[in-house]
Amino acid sequence: MNDGDDNSLFTVLLSIIVGFIVHWLGWNPFGQSQIGDKGYIYFIQRITGGPIKIGYSNNPQKRLATFQTSHHERLVILGCVHGDIPYERHLHRQFAGYRIRSDGEWFQDCREIRMFISQNCFKI
């Protein structure tokens, strides 16, 4: 291998690593959602209480129906806020101390999340 091949390989590997980091962080240099600008961040919980799911969907009511078919208790949408996938990731980081599993989207029902919902969300 000559120096030119080493530089080309380095450039390819660097672009792959940077692309992965940018995707993982949810950063978009054009300021647009990865899926579209019409999405919602939703907060779903069993009607009897318990953990709260923070997720993203273009149609939270359809998403709720999908969850409901595989859940034995009635679920409700506590609220929604306009947002995109990067904003969903931001909220996951903001409430990370209440996350039930390190890789999941379910969080303990806590005062901080309840306050966020009451101050920022709307009902659908």
PDB file of N, CA and C in Angstrom:
ATOM      1  N   MET A   1       0.841  -1.186   0.000  1.00  0.00           N
ATOM      2  CA  MET A   1       0.000   0.000   0.000  1.00  0.00           C
ATOM      3  C   MET A   1       0.878   1.240   0.000  1.00  0.00           C
ATOM      4  N   ASN A   2       0.489   2.214  -0.762  1.00  0.00           N
ATOM      5  CA  ASN A   2       1.231   3.465  -0.734  1.00  0.00           C
ATOM      6  C   ASN A   2       0.476   4.505   0.087  1.00  0.00           C
ATOM      7  N   ASP A   3       1.078   5.686   0.227  1.00  0.00           N
ATOM      8  CA  ASP A   3       0.476   6.733   1.054  1.00  0.00           C
ATOM      9  C   ASP A   3      -0.898   7.152   0.539  1.00  0.00           C
ATOM     10  N   GLY A   4      -1.108   7.148  -0.768  1.00  0.00           N
ATOM     11  CA  GLY A   4      -2.400   7.521  -1.341  1.00  0.00           C
ATOM     12  C   GLY A   4      -3.505   6.571  -0.923  1.00  0.00           C
ATOM     13  N   ASP A   5      -3.193   5.261  -0.887  1.00  0.00           N
ATOM     14  CA  ASP A   5      -4.178   4.266  -0.451  1.00  0.00           C
ATOM     15  C   ASP A   5      -4.508   4.436   1.026  1.00  0.00           C
ATOM     16  N   ASP A   6      -3.496   4.730   1.837  1.00  0.00           N
ATOM     17  CA  ASP A   6      -3.710   4.935   3.274  1.00  0.00           C
ATOM     18  C   ASP A   6      -4.613   6.137   3.513  1.00  0.00           C
ATOM     19  N   ASN A   7      -4.375   7.225   2.761  1.00  0.00           N
ATOM     20  CA  ASN A   7      -5.200   8.423   2.916  1.00  0.00           C
ATOM     21  C   ASN A   7      -6.635   8.162   2.488  1.00  0.00           C
ATOM     22  N   SER A   8      -6.836   7.413   1.421  1.00  0.00           N
ATOM     23  CA  SER A   8      -8.190   7.098   0.949  1.00  0.00           C
ATOM     24  C   SER A   8      -8.934   6.250   1.972  1.00  0.00           C
ATOM     25  N   LEU A   9      -8.259   5.245   2.511  1.00  0.00           N
ATOM     26  CA  LEU A   9      -8.874   4.398   3.525  1.00  0.00           C
ATOM     27  C   LEU A   9      -9.219   5.213   4.761  1.00  0.00           C
ATOM     28  N   PHE A  10      -8.313   6.070   5.178  1.00  0.00           N
ATOM     29  CA  PHE A  10      -8.554   6.930   6.335  1.00  0.00           C
ATOM     30  C   PHE A  10      -9.766   7.823   6.102  1.00  0.00           C
ATOM     31  N   THR A  11      -9.866   8.414   4.916  1.00  0.00           N
ATOM     32  CA  THR A  11     -10.992   9.295   4.588  1.00  0.00           C
ATOM     33  C   THR A  11     -12.313   8.545   4.621  1.00  0.00           C
ATOM     34  N   VAL A  12     -12.337   7.345   4.070  1.00  0.00           N
ATOM     35  CA  VAL A  12     -13.563   6.535   4.072  1.00  0.00           C
ATOM     36  C   VAL A  12     -13.960   6.175   5.496  1.00  0.00           C
ATOM     37  N   LEU A  13     -12.995   5.696   6.288  1.00  0.00           N
ATOM     38  CA  LEU A  13     -13.296   5.317   7.676  1.00  0.00           C
ATOM     39  C   LEU A  13     -13.759   6.527   8.485  1.00  0.00           C
ATOM     40  N   LEU A  14     -13.114   7.665   8.294  1.00  0.00           N
ATOM     41  CA  LEU A  14     -13.494   8.876   9.017  1.00  0.00           C
ATOM     42  C   LEU A  14     -14.915   9.298   8.654  1.00  0.00           C
ATOM     43  N   SER A  15     -15.270   9.237   7.379  1.00  0.00           N
ATOM     44  CA  SER A  15     -16.619   9.637   6.974  1.00  0.00           C
ATOM     45  C   SER A  15     -17.669   8.682   7.538  1.00  0.00           C
ATOM     46  N   ILE A  16     -17.352   7.396   7.623  1.00  0.00           N
ATOM     47  CA  ILE A  16     -18.282   6.428   8.213  1.00  0.00           C
ATOM     48  C   ILE A  16     -18.474   6.719   9.695  1.00  0.00           C
ATOM     49  N   ILE A  17     -17.387   6.967  10.405  1.00  0.00           N
ATOM     50  CA  ILE A  17     -17.460   7.245  11.845  1.00  0.00           C
ATOM     51  C   ILE A  17     -18.232   8.535  12.105  1.00  0.00           C
ATOM     52  N   VAL A  18     -17.930   9.581  11.367  1.00  0.00           N
ATOM     53  CA  VAL A  18     -18.628  10.862  11.547  1.00  0.00           C
ATOM     54  C   VAL A  18     -20.112  10.701  11.221  1.00  0.00           C
ATOM     55  N   GLY A  19     -20.423   9.981  10.144  1.00  0.00           N
ATOM     56  CA  GLY A  19     -21.819   9.739   9.791  1.00  0.00           C
ATOM     57  C   GLY A  19     -22.572   9.008  10.879  1.00  0.00           C
ATOM     58  N   PHE A  20     -21.942   8.006  11.472  1.00  0.00           N
ATOM     59  CA  PHE A  20     -22.567   7.263  12.563  1.00  0.00           C
ATOM     60  C   PHE A  20     -22.819   8.166  13.762  1.00  0.00           C
ATOM     61  N   ILE A  21     -21.835   8.971  14.144  1.00  0.00           N
ATOM     62  CA  ILE A  21     -21.981   9.867  15.294  1.00  0.00           C
ATOM     63  C   ILE A  21     -23.088  10.886  15.048  1.00  0.00           C
ATOM     64  N   VAL A  22     -23.100  11.476  13.856  1.00  0.00           N
ATOM     65  CA  VAL A  22     -24.134  12.457  13.516  1.00  0.00           C
ATOM     66  C   VAL A  22     -25.513  11.807  13.586  1.00  0.00           C
ATOM     67  N   HIS A  23     -25.662  10.592  13.037  1.00  0.00           N
ATOM     68  CA  HIS A  23     -26.935   9.891  13.076  1.00  0.00           C
ATOM     69  C   HIS A  23     -27.331   9.563  14.514  1.00  0.00           C
ATOM     70  N   TRP A  24     -26.404   9.056  15.303  1.00  0.00           N
ATOM     71  CA  TRP A  24     -26.676   8.670  16.683  1.00  0.00           C
ATOM     72  C   TRP A  24     -27.118   9.859  17.514  1.00  0.00           C
ATOM     73  N   LEU A  25     -26.490  11.025  17.313  1.00  0.00           N
ATOM     74  CA  LEU A  25     -26.849  12.222  18.068  1.00  0.00           C
ATOM     75  C   LEU A  25     -28.142  12.858  17.565  1.00  0.00           C
ATOM     76  N   GLY A  26     -28.570  12.467  16.372  1.00  0.00           N
ATOM     77  CA  GLY A  26     -29.782  13.030  15.816  1.00  0.00           C
ATOM     78  C   GLY A  26     -29.587  14.413  15.236  1.00  0.00           C
ATOM     79  N   TRP A  27     -28.356  14.788  14.966  1.00  0.00           N
ATOM     80  CA  TRP A  27     -28.078  16.122  14.441  1.00  0.00           C
ATOM     81  C   TRP A  27     -28.306  16.149  12.947  1.00  0.00           C
ATOM     82  N   ASN A  28     -28.935  17.209  12.509  1.00  0.00           N
ATOM     83  CA  ASN A  28     -29.194  17.364  11.085  1.00  0.00           C
ATOM     84  C   ASN A  28     -28.725  18.754  10.675  1.00  0.00           C
ATOM     85  N   PRO A  29     -27.693  18.879   9.841  1.00  0.00           N
ATOM     86  CA  PRO A  29     -27.146  20.191   9.507  1.00  0.00           C
ATOM     87  C   PRO A  29     -28.119  21.093   8.767  1.00  0.00           C
ATOM     88  N   PHE A  30     -29.211  20.533   8.235  1.00  0.00           N
ATOM     89  CA  PHE A  30     -30.178  21.343   7.499  1.00  0.00           C
ATOM     90  C   PHE A  30     -31.356  21.761   8.365  1.00  0.00           C
ATOM     91  N   GLY A  31     -31.345  21.360   9.641  1.00  0.00           N
ATOM     92  CA  GLY A  31     -32.386  21.781  10.565  1.00  0.00           C
ATOM     93  C   GLY A  31     -33.746  21.159  10.320  1.00  0.00           C
ATOM     94  N   GLN A  32     -33.817  20.049   9.623  1.00  0.00           N
ATOM     95  CA  GLN A  32     -35.081  19.392   9.334  1.00  0.00           C
ATOM     96  C   GLN A  32     -35.153  18.077  10.088  1.00  0.00           C
ATOM     97  N   SER A  33     -36.369  17.644  10.328  1.00  0.00           N
ATOM     98  CA  SER A  33     -36.566  16.355  10.962  1.00  0.00           C
ATOM     99  C   SER A  33     -36.063  15.245  10.042  1.00  0.00           C
ATOM    100  N   GLN A  34     -35.655  14.140  10.639  1.00  0.00           N
ATOM    101  CA  GLN A  34     -35.230  13.006   9.837  1.00  0.00           C
ATOM    102  C   GLN A  34     -36.415  12.357   9.138  1.00  0.00           C
ATOM    103  N   ILE A  35     -37.604  12.502   9.670  1.00  0.00           N
ATOM    104  CA  ILE A  35     -38.778  11.885   9.081  1.00  0.00           C
ATOM    105  C   ILE A  35     -39.677  12.947   8.441  1.00  0.00           C
ATOM    106  N   GLY A  36     -39.724  14.116   8.978  1.00  0.00           N
ATOM    107  CA  GLY A  36     -40.580  15.175   8.460  1.00  0.00           C
ATOM    108  C   GLY A  36     -40.913  16.161   9.557  1.00  0.00           C
ATOM    109  N   ASP A  37     -41.455  17.270   9.178  1.00  0.00           N
ATOM    110  CA  ASP A  37     -41.733  18.336  10.131  1.00  0.00           C
ATOM    111  C   ASP A  37     -43.082  18.196  10.825  1.00  0.00           C
ATOM    112  N   LYS A  38     -43.880  17.190  10.508  1.00  0.00           N
ATOM    113  CA  LYS A  38     -45.225  17.069  11.046  1.00  0.00           C
ATOM    114  C   LYS A  38     -45.338  16.003  12.115  1.00  0.00           C
ATOM    115  N   GLY A  39     -44.274  15.732  12.824  1.00  0.00           N
ATOM    116  CA  GLY A  39     -44.307  14.680  13.823  1.00  0.00           C
ATOM    117  C   GLY A  39     -44.674  15.174  15.205  1.00  0.00           C
ATOM    118  N   TYR A  40     -44.855  14.215  16.093  1.00  0.00           N
ATOM    119  CA  TYR A  40     -45.219  14.495  17.472  1.00  0.00           C
ATOM    120  C   TYR A  40     -44.371  13.641  18.410  1.00  0.00           C
ATOM    121  N   ILE A  41     -44.064  14.210  19.550  1.00  0.00           N
ATOM    122  CA  ILE A  41     -43.518  13.436  20.658  1.00  0.00           C
ATOM    123  C   ILE A  41     -44.718  13.144  21.548  1.00  0.00           C
ATOM    124  N   TYR A  42     -44.949  11.867  21.852  1.00  0.00           N
ATOM    125  CA  TYR A  42     -46.114  11.495  22.647  1.00  0.00           C
ATOM    126  C   TYR A  42     -45.661  10.903  23.978  1.00  0.00           C
ATOM    127  N   PHE A  43     -46.570  10.962  24.941  1.00  0.00           N
ATOM    128  CA  PHE A  43     -46.364  10.402  26.271  1.00  0.00           C
ATOM    129  C   PHE A  43     -47.534   9.459  26.523  1.00  0.00           C
ATOM    130  N   ILE A  44     -47.250   8.162  26.599  1.00  0.00           N
ATOM    131  CA  ILE A  44     -48.285   7.139  26.767  1.00  0.00           C
ATOM    132  C   ILE A  44     -48.089   6.444  28.108  1.00  0.00           C
ATOM    133  N   GLN A  45     -49.222   6.105  28.748  1.00  0.00           N
ATOM    134  CA  GLN A  45     -49.200   5.424  30.038  1.00  0.00           C
ATOM    135  C   GLN A  45     -50.433   4.541  30.172  1.00  0.00           C
ATOM    136  N   ARG A  46     -50.339   3.508  30.998  1.00  0.00           N
ATOM    137  CA  ARG A  46     -51.527   2.713  31.332  1.00  0.00           C
ATOM    138  C   ARG A  46     -52.518   3.626  32.044  1.00  0.00           C
ATOM    139  N   ILE A  47     -53.790   3.359  31.881  1.00  0.00           N
ATOM    140  CA  ILE A  47     -54.802   4.183  32.550  1.00  0.00           C
ATOM    141  C   ILE A  47     -54.690   4.076  34.070  1.00  0.00           C
ATOM    142  N   THR A  48     -54.133   2.970  34.556  1.00  0.00           N
ATOM    143  CA  THR A  48     -53.959   2.770  36.000  1.00  0.00           C
ATOM    144  C   THR A  48     -52.651   3.352  36.522  1.00  0.00           C
ATOM    145  N   GLY A  49     -51.876   4.002  35.669  1.00  0.00           N
ATOM    146  CA  GLY A  49     -50.602   4.587  36.088  1.00  0.00           C
ATOM    147  C   GLY A  49     -49.427   3.700  35.725  1.00  0.00           C
ATOM    148  N   GLY A  50     -48.268   4.043  36.244  1.00  0.00           N
ATOM    149  CA  GLY A  50     -47.067   3.270  35.961  1.00  0.00           C
ATOM    150  C   GLY A  50     -46.138   4.000  35.011  1.00  0.00           C
ATOM    151  N   PRO A  51     -45.233   3.257  34.379  1.00  0.00           N
ATOM    152  CA  PRO A  51     -44.232   3.873  33.501  1.00  0.00           C
ATOM    153  C   PRO A  51     -44.869   4.665  32.355  1.00  0.00           C
ATOM    154  N   ILE A  52     -44.114   5.655  31.882  1.00  0.00           N
ATOM    155  CA  ILE A  52     -44.543   6.515  30.781  1.00  0.00           C
ATOM    156  C   ILE A  52     -43.621   6.288  29.598  1.00  0.00           C
ATOM    157  N   LYS A  53     -44.215   6.067  28.437  1.00  0.00           N
ATOM    158  CA  LYS A  53     -43.425   5.909  27.211  1.00  0.00           C
ATOM    159  C   LYS A  53     -43.326   7.261  26.533  1.00  0.00           C
ATOM    160  N   ILE A  54     -42.097   7.639  26.194  1.00  0.00           N
ATOM    161  CA  ILE A  54     -41.846   8.861  25.428  1.00  0.00           C
ATOM    162  C   ILE A  54     -41.394   8.404  24.055  1.00  0.00           C
ATOM    163  N   GLY A  55     -42.194   8.703  23.036  1.00  0.00           N
ATOM    164  CA  GLY A  55     -41.883   8.242  21.696  1.00  0.00           C
ATOM    165  C   GLY A  55     -42.205   9.274  20.639  1.00  0.00           C
ATOM    166  N   TYR A  56     -41.856   8.951  19.406  1.00  0.00           N
ATOM    167  CA  TYR A  56     -42.092   9.820  18.254  1.00  0.00           C
ATOM    168  C   TYR A  56     -43.005   9.109  17.263  1.00  0.00           C
ATOM    169  N   SER A  57     -43.933   9.867  16.683  1.00  0.00           N
ATOM    170  CA  SER A  57     -44.793   9.317  15.642  1.00  0.00           C
ATOM    171  C   SER A  57     -45.399  10.457  14.832  1.00  0.00           C
ATOM    172  N   ASN A  58     -45.686  10.171  13.568  1.00  0.00           N
ATOM    173  CA  ASN A  58     -46.455  11.116  12.761  1.00  0.00           C
ATOM    174  C   ASN A  58     -47.940  11.030  13.105  1.00  0.00           C
ATOM    175  N   ASN A  59     -48.340   9.917  13.742  1.00  0.00           N
ATOM    176  CA  ASN A  59     -49.740   9.696  14.090  1.00  0.00           C
ATOM    177  C   ASN A  59     -49.805   9.005  15.459  1.00  0.00           C
ATOM    178  N   PRO A  60     -49.778   9.788  16.545  1.00  0.00           N
ATOM    179  CA  PRO A  60     -49.764   9.179  17.888  1.00  0.00           C
ATOM    180  C   PRO A  60     -50.970   8.298  18.195  1.00  0.00           C
ATOM    181  N   GLN A  61     -52.143   8.650  17.679  1.00  0.00           N
ATOM    182  CA  GLN A  61     -53.323   7.826  17.954  1.00  0.00           C
ATOM    183  C   GLN A  61     -53.197   6.444  17.309  1.00  0.00           C
ATOM    184  N   LYS A  62     -52.646   6.387  16.110  1.00  0.00           N
ATOM    185  CA  LYS A  62     -52.412   5.099  15.455  1.00  0.00           C
ATOM    186  C   LYS A  62     -51.340   4.315  16.220  1.00  0.00           C
ATOM    187  N   ARG A  63     -50.326   5.022  16.694  1.00  0.00           N
ATOM    188  CA  ARG A  63     -49.272   4.376  17.483  1.00  0.00           C
ATOM    189  C   ARG A  63     -49.860   3.785  18.763  1.00  0.00           C
ATOM    190  N   LEU A  64     -50.746   4.540  19.414  1.00  0.00           N
ATOM    191  CA  LEU A  64     -51.417   4.053  20.619  1.00  0.00           C
ATOM    192  C   LEU A  64     -52.198   2.777  20.313  1.00  0.00           C
ATOM    193  N   ALA A  65     -52.917   2.776  19.201  1.00  0.00           N
ATOM    194  CA  ALA A  65     -53.696   1.592  18.821  1.00  0.00           C
ATOM    195  C   ALA A  65     -52.790   0.383  18.627  1.00  0.00           C
ATOM    196  N   THR A  66     -51.610   0.608  18.058  1.00  0.00           N
ATOM    197  CA  THR A  66     -50.642  -0.483  17.868  1.00  0.00           C
ATOM    198  C   THR A  66     -50.197  -1.039  19.217  1.00  0.00           C
ATOM    199  N   PHE A  67     -49.869  -0.169  20.158  1.00  0.00           N
ATOM    200  CA  PHE A  67     -49.474  -0.628  21.493  1.00  0.00           C
ATOM    201  C   PHE A  67     -50.630  -1.344  22.181  1.00  0.00           C
ATOM    202  N   GLN A  68     -51.828  -0.805  22.012  1.00  0.00           N
ATOM    203  CA  GLN A  68     -52.976  -1.336  22.727  1.00  0.00           C
ATOM    204  C   GLN A  68     -53.268  -2.783  22.366  1.00  0.00           C
ATOM    205  N   THR A  69     -53.032  -3.179  21.119  1.00  0.00           N
ATOM    206  CA  THR A  69     -53.322  -4.555  20.716  1.00  0.00           C
ATOM    207  C   THR A  69     -52.450  -5.568  21.445  1.00  0.00           C
ATOM    208  N   SER A  70     -51.295  -5.143  21.935  1.00  0.00           N
ATOM    209  CA  SER A  70     -50.405  -6.082  22.609  1.00  0.00           C
ATOM    210  C   SER A  70     -50.291  -5.810  24.113  1.00  0.00           C
ATOM    211  N   HIS A  71     -51.183  -4.999  24.653  1.00  0.00           N
ATOM    212  CA  HIS A  71     -51.123  -4.679  26.075  1.00  0.00           C
ATOM    213  C   HIS A  71     -52.444  -5.051  26.741  1.00  0.00           C
ATOM    214  N   HIS A  72     -52.363  -5.656  27.905  1.00  0.00           N
ATOM    215  CA  HIS A  72     -53.564  -6.149  28.579  1.00  0.00           C
ATOM    216  C   HIS A  72     -54.364  -5.061  29.288  1.00  0.00           C
ATOM    217  N   GLU A  73     -53.772  -3.907  29.551  1.00  0.00           N
ATOM    218  CA  GLU A  73     -54.482  -2.806  30.195  1.00  0.00           C
ATOM    219  C   GLU A  73     -54.700  -1.677  29.199  1.00  0.00           C
ATOM    220  N   ARG A  74     -55.708  -0.871  29.471  1.00  0.00           N
ATOM    221  CA  ARG A  74     -55.989   0.263  28.596  1.00  0.00           C
ATOM    222  C   ARG A  74     -54.862   1.296  28.722  1.00  0.00           C
ATOM    223  N   LEU A  75     -54.410   1.786  27.573  1.00  0.00           N
ATOM    224  CA  LEU A  75     -53.381   2.815  27.520  1.00  0.00           C
ATOM    225  C   LEU A  75     -54.008   4.136  27.105  1.00  0.00           C
ATOM    226  N   VAL A  76     -53.405   5.235  27.557  1.00  0.00           N
ATOM    227  CA  VAL A  76     -53.885   6.559  27.195  1.00  0.00           C
ATOM    228  C   VAL A  76     -52.701   7.439  26.798  1.00  0.00           C
ATOM    229  N   ILE A  77     -52.981   8.402  25.939  1.00  0.00           N
ATOM    230  CA  ILE A  77     -51.978   9.418  25.603  1.00  0.00           C
ATOM    231  C   ILE A  77     -52.131  10.539  26.617  1.00  0.00           C
ATOM    232  N   LEU A  78     -51.089  10.768  27.402  1.00  0.00           N
ATOM    233  CA  LEU A  78     -51.128  11.839  28.398  1.00  0.00           C
ATOM    234  C   LEU A  78     -51.014  13.206  27.745  1.00  0.00           C
ATOM    235  N   GLY A  79     -50.297  13.264  26.634  1.00  0.00           N
ATOM    236  CA  GLY A  79     -50.120  14.516  25.919  1.00  0.00           C
ATOM    237  C   GLY A  79     -49.146  14.353  24.780  1.00  0.00           C
ATOM    238  N   CYS A  80     -49.122  15.364  23.917  1.00  0.00           N
ATOM    239  CA  CYS A  80     -48.218  15.387  22.763  1.00  0.00           C
ATOM    240  C   CYS A  80     -47.622  16.787  22.634  1.00  0.00           C
ATOM    241  N   VAL A  81     -46.486  16.831  22.008  1.00  0.00           N
ATOM    242  CA  VAL A  81     -45.850  18.094  21.659  1.00  0.00           C
ATOM    243  C   VAL A  81     -45.303  17.928  20.250  1.00  0.00           C
ATOM    244  N   HIS A  82     -45.362  19.001  19.449  1.00  0.00           N
ATOM    245  CA  HIS A  82     -44.787  18.926  18.107  1.00  0.00           C
ATOM    246  C   HIS A  82     -43.289  18.699  18.235  1.00  0.00           C
ATOM    247  N   GLY A  83     -42.748  17.831  17.401  1.00  0.00           N
ATOM    248  CA  GLY A  83     -41.325  17.565  17.476  1.00  0.00           C
ATOM    249  C   GLY A  83     -40.884  16.564  16.436  1.00  0.00           C
ATOM    250  N   ASP A  84     -39.593  16.280  16.476  1.00  0.00           N
ATOM    251  CA  ASP A  84     -38.988  15.348  15.534  1.00  0.00           C
ATOM    252  C   ASP A  84     -38.126  14.363  16.319  1.00  0.00           C
ATOM    253  N   ILE A  85     -37.460  13.486  15.610  1.00  0.00           N
ATOM    254  CA  ILE A  85     -36.650  12.460  16.264  1.00  0.00           C
ATOM    255  C   ILE A  85     -35.516  13.062  17.104  1.00  0.00           C
ATOM    256  N   PRO A  86     -34.799  14.079  16.616  1.00  0.00           N
ATOM    257  CA  PRO A  86     -33.775  14.678  17.480  1.00  0.00           C
ATOM    258  C   PRO A  86     -34.355  15.243  18.785  1.00  0.00           C
ATOM    259  N   TYR A  87     -35.557  15.814  18.725  1.00  0.00           N
ATOM    260  CA  TYR A  87     -36.177  16.343  19.951  1.00  0.00           C
ATOM    261  C   TYR A  87     -36.583  15.200  20.882  1.00  0.00           C
ATOM    262  N   GLU A  88     -37.058  14.101  20.308  1.00  0.00           N
ATOM    263  CA  GLU A  88     -37.366  12.929  21.124  1.00  0.00           C
ATOM    264  C   GLU A  88     -36.098  12.459  21.851  1.00  0.00           C
ATOM    265  N   ARG A  89     -34.993  12.379  21.137  1.00  0.00           N
ATOM    266  CA  ARG A  89     -33.726  11.969  21.755  1.00  0.00           C
ATOM    267  C   ARG A  89     -33.301  12.945  22.848  1.00  0.00           C
ATOM    268  N   HIS A  90     -33.535  14.226  22.610  1.00  0.00           N
ATOM    269  CA  HIS A  90     -33.226  15.243  23.624  1.00  0.00           C
ATOM    270  C   HIS A  90     -34.026  14.978  24.904  1.00  0.00           C
ATOM    271  N   LEU A  91     -35.321  14.697  24.754  1.00  0.00           N
ATOM    272  CA  LEU A  91     -36.147  14.411  25.934  1.00  0.00           C
ATOM    273  C   LEU A  91     -35.701  13.136  26.630  1.00  0.00           C
ATOM    274  N   HIS A  92     -35.297  12.131  25.856  1.00  0.00           N
ATOM    275  CA  HIS A  92     -34.775  10.904  26.468  1.00  0.00           C
ATOM    276  C   HIS A  92     -33.540  11.219  27.308  1.00  0.00           C
ATOM    277  N   ARG A  93     -32.666  12.080  26.803  1.00  0.00           N
ATOM    278  CA  ARG A  93     -31.471  12.472  27.582  1.00  0.00           C
ATOM    279  C   ARG A  93     -31.866  13.312  28.793  1.00  0.00           C
ATOM    280  N   GLN A  94     -32.839  14.218  28.604  1.00  0.00           N
ATOM    281  CA  GLN A  94     -33.272  15.088  29.700  1.00  0.00           C
ATOM    282  C   GLN A  94     -33.816  14.273  30.878  1.00  0.00           C
ATOM    283  N   PHE A  95     -34.543  13.217  30.578  1.00  0.00           N
ATOM    284  CA  PHE A  95     -35.158  12.401  31.623  1.00  0.00           C
ATOM    285  C   PHE A  95     -34.419  11.076  31.847  1.00  0.00           C
ATOM    286  N   ALA A  96     -33.172  11.009  31.442  1.00  0.00           N
ATOM    287  CA  ALA A  96     -32.391   9.758  31.510  1.00  0.00           C
ATOM    288  C   ALA A  96     -32.342   9.165  32.915  1.00  0.00           C
ATOM    289  N   GLY A  97     -32.354   9.987  33.928  1.00  0.00           N
ATOM    290  CA  GLY A  97     -32.310   9.493  35.302  1.00  0.00           C
ATOM    291  C   GLY A  97     -33.543   8.698  35.701  1.00  0.00           C
ATOM    292  N   TYR A  98     -34.596   8.787  34.921  1.00  0.00           N
ATOM    293  CA  TYR A  98     -35.850   8.090  35.211  1.00  0.00           C
ATOM    294  C   TYR A  98     -36.120   6.940  34.241  1.00  0.00           C
ATOM    295  N   ARG A  99     -35.172   6.704  33.348  1.00  0.00           N
ATOM    296  CA  ARG A  99     -35.336   5.644  32.351  1.00  0.00           C
ATOM    297  C   ARG A  99     -35.362   4.291  33.048  1.00  0.00           C
ATOM    298  N   ILE A 100     -36.270   3.425  32.615  1.00  0.00           N
ATOM    299  CA  ILE A 100     -36.407   2.111  33.240  1.00  0.00           C
ATOM    300  C   ILE A 100     -35.320   1.160  32.760  1.00  0.00           C
ATOM    301  N   ARG A 101     -35.081   1.141  31.452  1.00  0.00           N
ATOM    302  CA  ARG A 101     -33.972   0.361  30.884  1.00  0.00           C
ATOM    303  C   ARG A 101     -33.071   1.318  30.152  1.00  0.00           C
ATOM    304  N   SER A 102     -31.786   1.051  30.156  1.00  0.00           N
ATOM    305  CA  SER A 102     -30.830   1.990  29.555  1.00  0.00           C
ATOM    306  C   SER A 102     -31.043   2.173  28.054  1.00  0.00           C
ATOM    307  N   ASP A 103     -31.676   1.206  27.396  1.00  0.00           N
ATOM    308  CA  ASP A 103     -31.881   1.304  25.948  1.00  0.00           C
ATOM    309  C   ASP A 103     -33.351   1.464  25.574  1.00  0.00           C
ATOM    310  N   GLY A 104     -34.202   1.747  26.545  1.00  0.00           N
ATOM    311  CA  GLY A 104     -35.633   1.801  26.278  1.00  0.00           C
ATOM    312  C   GLY A 104     -36.207   3.201  26.249  1.00  0.00           C
ATOM    313  N   GLU A 105     -37.504   3.254  25.951  1.00  0.00           N
ATOM    314  CA  GLU A 105     -38.226   4.521  25.865  1.00  0.00           C
ATOM    315  C   GLU A 105     -39.271   4.652  26.966  1.00  0.00           C
ATOM    316  N   TRP A 106     -39.192   3.774  27.987  1.00  0.00           N
ATOM    317  CA  TRP A 106     -40.125   3.819  29.099  1.00  0.00           C
ATOM    318  C   TRP A 106     -39.426   4.438  30.301  1.00  0.00           C
ATOM    319  N   PHE A 107     -40.150   5.359  30.963  1.00  0.00           N
ATOM    320  CA  PHE A 107     -39.587   6.123  32.069  1.00  0.00           C
ATOM    321  C   PHE A 107     -40.509   6.024  33.278  1.00  0.00           C
ATOM    322  N   GLN A 108     -39.907   6.148  34.461  1.00  0.00           N
ATOM    323  CA  GLN A 108     -40.703   6.158  35.683  1.00  0.00           C
ATOM    324  C   GLN A 108     -41.633   7.365  35.660  1.00  0.00           C
ATOM    325  N   ASP A 109     -42.827   7.188  36.197  1.00  0.00           N
ATOM    326  CA  ASP A 109     -43.751   8.308  36.355  1.00  0.00           C
ATOM    327  C   ASP A 109     -43.182   9.183  37.473  1.00  0.00           C
ATOM    328  N   CYS A 110     -42.766  10.385  37.123  1.00  0.00           N
ATOM    329  CA  CYS A 110     -42.126  11.259  38.112  1.00  0.00           C
ATOM    330  C   CYS A 110     -42.617  12.696  37.943  1.00  0.00           C
ATOM    331  N   ARG A 111     -42.336  13.498  38.927  1.00  0.00           N
ATOM    332  CA  ARG A 111     -42.780  14.900  38.940  1.00  0.00           C
ATOM    333  C   ARG A 111     -42.235  15.682  37.755  1.00  0.00           C
ATOM    334  N   GLU A 112     -40.968  15.457  37.397  1.00  0.00           N
ATOM    335  CA  GLU A 112     -40.345  16.206  36.314  1.00  0.00           C
ATOM    336  C   GLU A 112     -41.029  15.949  34.969  1.00  0.00           C
ATOM    337  N   ILE A 113     -41.311  14.689  34.679  1.00  0.00           N
ATOM    338  CA  ILE A 113     -41.992  14.363  33.423  1.00  0.00           C
ATOM    339  C   ILE A 113     -43.421  14.895  33.454  1.00  0.00           C
ATOM    340  N   ARG A 114     -44.102  14.748  34.575  1.00  0.00           N
ATOM    341  CA  ARG A 114     -45.466  15.267  34.705  1.00  0.00           C
ATOM    342  C   ARG A 114     -45.496  16.786  34.506  1.00  0.00           C
ATOM    343  N   MET A 115     -44.506  17.491  35.059  1.00  0.00           N
ATOM    344  CA  MET A 115     -44.442  18.942  34.887  1.00  0.00           C
ATOM    345  C   MET A 115     -44.210  19.306  33.424  1.00  0.00           C
ATOM    346  N   PHE A 116     -43.322  18.561  32.752  1.00  0.00           N
ATOM    347  CA  PHE A 116     -43.079  18.817  31.337  1.00  0.00           C
ATOM    348  C   PHE A 116     -44.373  18.648  30.541  1.00  0.00           C
ATOM    349  N   ILE A 117     -45.090  17.572  30.811  1.00  0.00           N
ATOM    350  CA  ILE A 117     -46.339  17.312  30.103  1.00  0.00           C
ATOM    351  C   ILE A 117     -47.342  18.438  30.350  1.00  0.00           C
ATOM    352  N   SER A 118     -47.511  18.835  31.605  1.00  0.00           N
ATOM    353  CA  SER A 118     -48.511  19.856  31.919  1.00  0.00           C
ATOM    354  C   SER A 118     -48.141  21.225  31.352  1.00  0.00           C
ATOM    355  N   GLN A 119     -46.863  21.514  31.222  1.00  0.00           N
ATOM    356  CA  GLN A 119     -46.436  22.837  30.747  1.00  0.00           C
ATOM    357  C   GLN A 119     -46.231  22.915  29.241  1.00  0.00           C
ATOM    358  N   ASN A 120     -46.052  21.784  28.570  1.00  0.00           N
ATOM    359  CA  ASN A 120     -45.669  21.823  27.162  1.00  0.00           C
ATOM    360  C   ASN A 120     -46.564  21.052  26.202  1.00  0.00           C
ATOM    361  N   CYS A 121     -47.358  20.146  26.722  1.00  0.00           N
ATOM    362  CA  CYS A 121     -48.100  19.237  25.836  1.00  0.00           C
ATOM    363  C   CYS A 121     -49.553  19.643  25.672  1.00  0.00           C
ATOM    364  N   PHE A 122     -50.142  19.110  24.611  1.00  0.00           N
ATOM    365  CA  PHE A 122     -51.567  19.278  24.352  1.00  0.00           C
ATOM    366  C   PHE A 122     -52.180  17.895  24.224  1.00  0.00           C
ATOM    367  N   LYS A 123     -53.485  17.817  24.443  1.00  0.00           N
ATOM    368  CA  LYS A 123     -54.228  16.551  24.327  1.00  0.00           C
ATOM    369  C   LYS A 123     -54.663  16.363  22.878  1.00  0.00           C
ATOM    370  N   ILE A 124     -54.709  15.110  22.449  1.00  0.00           N
ATOM    371  CA  ILE A 124     -55.258  14.829  21.117  1.00  0.00           C
ATOM    372  C   ILE A 124     -56.343  13.780  21.242  1.00  0.00           C
TER     373      ILE A 124
END
